[in-house]
Amino acid sequence: MEKKEKQTFREWAENIWYYYKWLVLFIGLMIVFAVICIVQLAQKDEPDVDVMFVGPGYYLDQASKDNLGDSFELISEDYNGDGKFTLNLLDITLPQLETSEGKINVDQYNTGLKRFEAEIRTSDAAIYILDREYFDKCMELSLLTPISDVIDDAYLPENIIEGCGITLSELDIYSLPGFDRFPEDAILCLRRSPEKDDIDYGKSASAWDGNRRSFVAAVKYKKGSK
């Protein structure tokens, strides 16, 4: 029996390419895509301020989002040191129904609730602006920082809600562009720091501290100041 001649590497490669070139191309493209994603994630800086809104009757067009960013920049700093100020806004707008007794929240499939439950576990948001219903949910889960833990007694606002929230429209910051687009009864609050939170939501301690400073500045803000 004639012995089969051993293939050279070139012959082996040509054989693989002939029979499996589309599979090879696909795997190659997937590797390139994965490398690009990893590089982009590695280079991505955390926003200076991360805000989450949950509530009804709210809409920000791009101009209003830009105004909100400008207003936050007015009271904030470049906490991540990348040479620019960036705001990340996550909004979960709940559907409403107009009735004879006024507007009521309707979320037939609990899409808002499901997204909220996902975001509190995965989102980097630290400053919350919430509908009362969702503020109460955050309180039940012990997610919020007591206001007195981050604001000196001399600057504590009146009518603090359950120790952890402030009605946004009662603060001077509500007069600034972007802030004035939130519902009047929306509640401003701050997520617990990562080391004190029962849920590991991915926020670094240093990034949370930058958000804390912006939160404090928003509460202390007075009309006509910087």
Protein backbone atom coordinates (compact mmCIF):
# COMPACT_ATOMS: atom_id res chain seq x y z
CA MET A 1 0.00 0.00 0.00
CA GLU A 2 1.37 3.35 -1.08
CA LYS A 3 2.15 5.67 1.82
CA LYS A 4 0.20 8.99 1.74
CA GLU A 5 2.47 11.97 1.25
CA LYS A 6 2.47 14.37 4.21
CA GLN A 7 0.91 17.80 3.50
CA THR A 8 3.00 20.92 3.77
CA PHE A 9 1.68 23.78 5.92
CA ARG A 10 0.89 25.77 2.77
CA GLU A 11 -1.10 22.89 1.30
CA TRP A 12 -2.95 22.45 4.61
CA ALA A 13 -3.77 26.17 4.76
CA GLU A 14 -4.95 26.20 1.13
CA ASN A 15 -7.16 23.22 1.84
CA ILE A 16 -8.69 24.89 4.93
CA TRP A 17 -9.25 28.12 2.98
CA TYR A 18 -10.88 26.26 0.07
CA TYR A 19 -13.38 24.42 2.24
CA TYR A 20 -13.87 26.85 5.14
CA LYS A 21 -13.07 30.34 3.86
CA TRP A 22 -16.48 31.81 4.82
CA LEU A 23 -16.21 30.41 8.32
CA VAL A 24 -12.66 31.76 8.63
CA LEU A 25 -13.78 35.20 7.42
CA PHE A 26 -16.69 35.22 9.87
CA ILE A 27 -14.48 34.27 12.82
CA GLY A 28 -11.92 36.88 11.77
CA LEU A 29 -14.57 39.62 11.63
CA MET A 30 -15.88 38.60 15.06
CA ILE A 31 -12.38 38.81 16.52
CA VAL A 32 -11.84 42.28 15.01
CA PHE A 33 -15.24 43.44 16.32
CA ALA A 34 -14.46 42.10 19.81
CA VAL A 35 -11.07 43.85 19.87
CA ILE A 36 -12.65 47.18 18.81
CA CYS A 37 -15.31 46.88 21.55
CA ILE A 38 -12.71 46.06 24.20
CA VAL A 39 -10.54 49.02 23.18
CA GLN A 40 -13.51 51.42 23.17
CA LEU A 41 -14.65 50.23 26.59
CA ALA A 42 -11.15 50.59 27.97
CA GLN A 43 -10.92 54.16 26.68
CA LYS A 44 -14.41 55.18 27.81
CA ASP A 45 -14.49 57.66 30.68
CA GLU A 46 -17.27 57.71 33.22
CA PRO A 47 -19.56 60.73 32.85
CA ASP A 48 -19.00 63.43 35.45
CA VAL A 49 -22.66 63.26 36.51
CA ASP A 50 -25.11 60.34 36.13
CA VAL A 51 -28.81 61.14 36.55
CA MET A 52 -31.84 58.84 36.42
CA PHE A 53 -35.39 60.16 36.14
CA VAL A 54 -38.39 57.89 36.76
CA GLY A 55 -41.86 59.36 36.50
CA PRO A 56 -44.72 60.46 34.28
CA GLY A 57 -45.44 63.45 32.12
CA TYR A 58 -41.89 64.24 31.19
CA TYR A 59 -40.17 64.90 27.90
CA LEU A 60 -36.84 66.47 27.10
CA ASP A 61 -35.97 67.32 23.53
CA GLN A 62 -32.30 67.56 22.62
CA ALA A 63 -32.19 71.30 23.30
CA SER A 64 -33.59 70.77 26.80
CA LYS A 65 -31.10 67.96 27.46
CA ASP A 66 -28.31 70.29 26.40
CA ASN A 67 -29.72 72.95 28.76
CA LEU A 68 -29.79 70.44 31.61
CA GLY A 69 -26.19 69.56 30.90
CA ASP A 70 -25.22 73.24 30.89
CA SER A 71 -27.04 73.79 34.19
CA PHE A 72 -25.30 70.84 35.82
CA GLU A 73 -21.97 72.06 34.46
CA LEU A 74 -22.66 75.40 36.16
CA ILE A 75 -22.66 73.72 39.58
CA SER A 76 -20.28 70.84 38.88
CA GLU A 77 -16.68 70.16 37.93
CA ASP A 78 -14.74 67.92 35.57
CA TYR A 79 -14.64 65.14 38.15
CA ASN A 80 -13.15 62.48 35.87
CA GLY A 81 -10.36 64.79 34.70
CA ASP A 82 -10.86 64.25 30.96
CA GLY A 83 -10.90 67.97 30.20
CA LYS A 84 -14.64 68.27 29.58
CA PHE A 85 -17.92 68.01 31.48
CA THR A 86 -20.32 65.23 30.54
CA LEU A 87 -23.79 64.41 31.84
CA ASN A 88 -25.48 61.06 31.34
CA LEU A 89 -29.29 61.17 31.66
CA LEU A 90 -31.33 57.99 31.90
CA ASP A 91 -35.06 58.64 31.77
CA ILE A 92 -37.81 56.11 32.39
CA THR A 93 -41.00 57.93 31.44
CA LEU A 94 -44.19 56.29 32.66
CA PRO A 95 -47.38 56.44 30.57
CA GLN A 96 -50.29 58.53 31.89
CA LEU A 97 -54.04 58.48 31.38
CA GLU A 98 -56.18 61.62 31.55
CA THR A 99 -59.29 61.03 33.70
CA SER A 100 -62.00 63.20 35.23
CA GLU A 101 -60.02 63.03 38.48
CA GLY A 102 -56.80 64.08 36.81
CA LYS A 103 -53.85 62.21 35.35
CA ILE A 104 -53.05 58.73 36.64
CA ASN A 105 -50.04 56.54 35.94
CA VAL A 106 -50.76 53.53 33.76
CA ASP A 107 -48.16 50.89 33.00
CA GLN A 108 -50.18 47.92 31.81
CA TYR A 109 -47.24 45.61 31.23
CA ASN A 110 -45.06 46.98 34.07
CA THR A 111 -42.40 47.93 31.54
CA GLY A 112 -41.38 50.96 33.58
CA LEU A 113 -41.12 48.93 36.77
CA LYS A 114 -39.13 46.16 35.07
CA ARG A 115 -36.72 48.66 33.58
CA PHE A 116 -36.37 50.45 36.91
CA GLU A 117 -35.60 47.16 38.67
CA ALA A 118 -32.96 46.39 36.06
CA GLU A 119 -31.39 49.85 36.12
CA ILE A 120 -30.93 50.01 39.89
CA ARG A 121 -28.75 46.91 39.54
CA THR A 122 -26.81 47.83 36.42
CA SER A 123 -26.98 51.60 35.88
CA ASP A 124 -24.25 53.99 37.04
CA ALA A 125 -26.85 56.64 37.92
CA ALA A 126 -26.28 58.16 41.36
CA ILE A 127 -28.51 61.26 41.32
CA TYR A 128 -32.17 60.28 41.17
CA ILE A 129 -35.18 62.43 40.24
CA LEU A 130 -38.22 60.33 41.05
CA ASP A 131 -41.96 60.10 41.05
CA ARG A 132 -43.26 59.51 44.59
CA GLU A 133 -44.16 55.90 43.82
CA TYR A 134 -40.60 55.11 42.78
CA PHE A 135 -39.11 57.13 45.60
CA ASP A 136 -41.06 54.89 47.98
CA LYS A 137 -39.70 51.80 46.20
CA CYS A 138 -36.15 53.12 46.64
CA MET A 139 -36.84 53.70 50.33
CA GLU A 140 -38.15 50.15 50.72
CA LEU A 141 -34.91 48.88 49.18
CA SER A 142 -32.73 51.21 51.31
CA LEU A 143 -31.09 52.64 48.19
CA LEU A 144 -30.97 56.31 49.18
CA THR A 145 -28.52 58.41 51.16
CA PRO A 146 -29.91 60.35 54.14
CA ILE A 147 -29.75 64.06 53.26
CA SER A 148 -28.21 64.88 56.63
CA ASP A 149 -25.26 62.60 55.78
CA VAL A 150 -24.17 64.84 52.89
CA ILE A 151 -25.58 68.30 53.70
CA ASP A 152 -24.43 70.39 56.66
CA ASP A 153 -27.15 71.34 59.15
CA ALA A 154 -26.90 75.02 58.15
CA TYR A 155 -27.90 74.14 54.57
CA LEU A 156 -30.54 71.49 55.22
CA PRO A 157 -33.70 72.40 53.31
CA GLU A 158 -37.12 72.31 54.89
CA ASN A 159 -39.63 69.56 54.24
CA ILE A 160 -37.16 66.74 53.68
CA ILE A 161 -39.12 63.66 52.62
CA GLU A 162 -38.49 60.63 54.85
CA GLY A 163 -34.97 61.89 55.47
CA CYS A 164 -33.78 61.12 51.94
CA GLY A 165 -35.64 63.28 49.40
CA ILE A 166 -36.37 66.89 48.50
CA THR A 167 -39.14 68.12 46.23
CA LEU A 168 -37.20 69.49 43.28
CA SER A 169 -39.47 72.48 42.65
CA GLU A 170 -38.84 73.72 46.21
CA LEU A 171 -35.17 74.26 45.39
CA ASP A 172 -33.74 77.29 43.57
CA ILE A 173 -32.06 74.92 41.13
CA TYR A 174 -35.52 74.28 39.65
CA SER A 175 -35.34 77.72 38.04
CA LEU A 176 -32.43 76.70 35.81
CA PRO A 177 -33.01 75.53 32.22
CA GLY A 178 -33.47 71.79 31.96
CA PHE A 179 -34.31 71.36 35.63
CA ASP A 180 -37.54 73.27 35.03
CA ARG A 181 -38.73 70.58 32.63
CA PHE A 182 -39.12 67.97 35.36
CA PRO A 183 -42.54 67.57 37.06
CA GLU A 184 -43.05 69.95 39.98
CA ASP A 185 -43.60 67.08 42.41
CA ALA A 186 -40.48 65.16 41.33
CA ILE A 187 -38.21 64.21 44.23
CA LEU A 188 -34.46 64.78 44.14
CA CYS A 189 -32.36 62.21 45.98
CA LEU A 190 -28.94 60.56 46.02
CA ARG A 191 -28.13 56.87 45.71
CA ARG A 192 -26.12 55.32 48.53
CA SER A 193 -22.37 55.11 48.01
CA PRO A 194 -21.18 51.78 46.56
CA GLU A 195 -19.58 50.63 49.79
CA LYS A 196 -22.82 51.20 51.74
CA ASP A 197 -25.23 49.83 49.13
CA ASP A 198 -26.58 46.30 49.39
CA ILE A 199 -26.72 46.12 45.59
CA ASP A 200 -23.43 46.15 43.69
CA TYR A 201 -24.50 48.55 40.94
CA GLY A 202 -21.07 49.17 39.43
CA LYS A 203 -20.43 52.78 40.42
CA SER A 204 -16.88 53.50 41.55
CA ALA A 205 -16.45 55.30 44.86
CA SER A 206 -14.64 58.23 43.23
CA ALA A 207 -17.33 58.66 40.55
CA TRP A 208 -20.05 58.49 43.20
CA ASP A 209 -18.28 61.20 45.19
CA GLY A 210 -18.34 63.50 42.15
CA ASN A 211 -22.09 62.94 41.89
CA ARG A 212 -22.44 63.60 45.62
CA ARG A 213 -20.73 66.96 45.19
CA SER A 214 -23.06 67.89 42.32
CA PHE A 215 -26.07 66.81 44.37
CA VAL A 216 -24.95 68.97 47.29
CA ALA A 217 -24.34 71.91 44.94
CA ALA A 218 -27.83 71.50 43.46
CA VAL A 219 -29.43 71.56 46.92
CA LYS A 220 -27.39 74.59 48.03
CA TYR A 221 -27.81 76.54 44.79
CA LYS A 222 -29.30 80.03 45.13
CA LYS A 223 -30.73 82.13 42.32
CA GLY A 224 -28.21 84.59 40.98
CA SER A 225 -25.20 82.60 42.21
CA LYS A 226 -22.62 80.94 40.00
